Amino acid sequence: MTFEENLHQPRSLTAFRATKLLVGCYLGISVLTLVAIVLLRGDAALVTDAG
């Protein structure tokens, strides 16, 4: 079986779908984290000094 044929196997498609879902979730969490940082940047009680 060639590489091209392996890409269209049900198990390969399931693995790619799961990988895309995990990467999408990671991206979503990263964006939400950046939004929280921007929204809370002025709140001295929640944000501490880095140094």
Protein backbone atom coordinates (compact mmCIF):
# COMPACT_ATOMS: atom_id res chain seq x y z
CA MET A 1 0.00 0.00 0.00
CA THR A 2 1.37 3.43 -0.91
CA PHE A 3 1.38 6.56 1.19
CA GLU A 4 -1.48 8.03 -0.89
CA GLU A 5 -3.63 4.96 -0.27
CA ASN A 6 -2.91 5.05 3.46
CA LEU A 7 -4.23 8.63 3.69
CA HIS A 8 -7.73 7.49 2.72
CA GLN A 9 -8.00 4.61 5.18
CA PRO A 10 -10.68 4.99 7.89
CA ARG A 11 -8.14 4.70 10.72
CA SER A 12 -5.94 7.39 9.15
CA LEU A 13 -8.91 9.72 8.70
CA THR A 14 -9.94 9.17 12.32
CA ALA A 15 -6.40 9.92 13.53
CA PHE A 16 -6.21 13.11 11.45
CA ARG A 17 -9.63 14.21 12.69
CA ALA A 18 -8.58 13.68 16.31
CA THR A 19 -5.32 15.56 15.72
CA LYS A 20 -7.14 18.48 14.12
CA LEU A 21 -9.56 18.60 17.06
CA LEU A 22 -6.74 18.66 19.63
CA VAL A 23 -4.82 21.35 17.73
CA GLY A 24 -8.03 23.40 17.43
CA CYS A 25 -8.68 23.11 21.16
CA TYR A 26 -5.10 24.15 21.92
CA LEU A 27 -5.44 27.15 19.63
CA GLY A 28 -8.75 28.12 21.25
CA ILE A 29 -7.29 27.93 24.75
CA SER A 30 -4.29 30.00 23.64
CA VAL A 31 -6.51 32.71 22.17
CA LEU A 32 -8.67 32.80 25.30
CA THR A 33 -5.54 33.13 27.44
CA LEU A 34 -4.35 36.08 25.37
CA VAL A 35 -7.78 37.72 25.65
CA ALA A 36 -7.71 37.27 29.44
CA ILE A 37 -4.23 38.82 29.60
CA VAL A 38 -5.39 41.86 27.65
CA LEU A 39 -8.56 42.27 29.70
CA LEU A 40 -6.80 41.92 33.07
CA ARG A 41 -3.64 43.90 32.27
CA GLY A 42 -4.74 46.90 34.32
CA ASP A 43 -5.92 45.06 37.44
CA ALA A 44 -3.08 45.33 39.97
CA ALA A 45 -4.77 42.93 42.40
CA LEU A 46 -4.75 40.06 39.89
CA VAL A 47 -1.53 40.77 38.02
CA THR A 48 1.79 40.77 39.85
CA ASP A 49 5.18 42.18 38.88
CA ALA A 50 7.41 39.88 36.84
CA GLY A 51 10.57 40.91 38.62
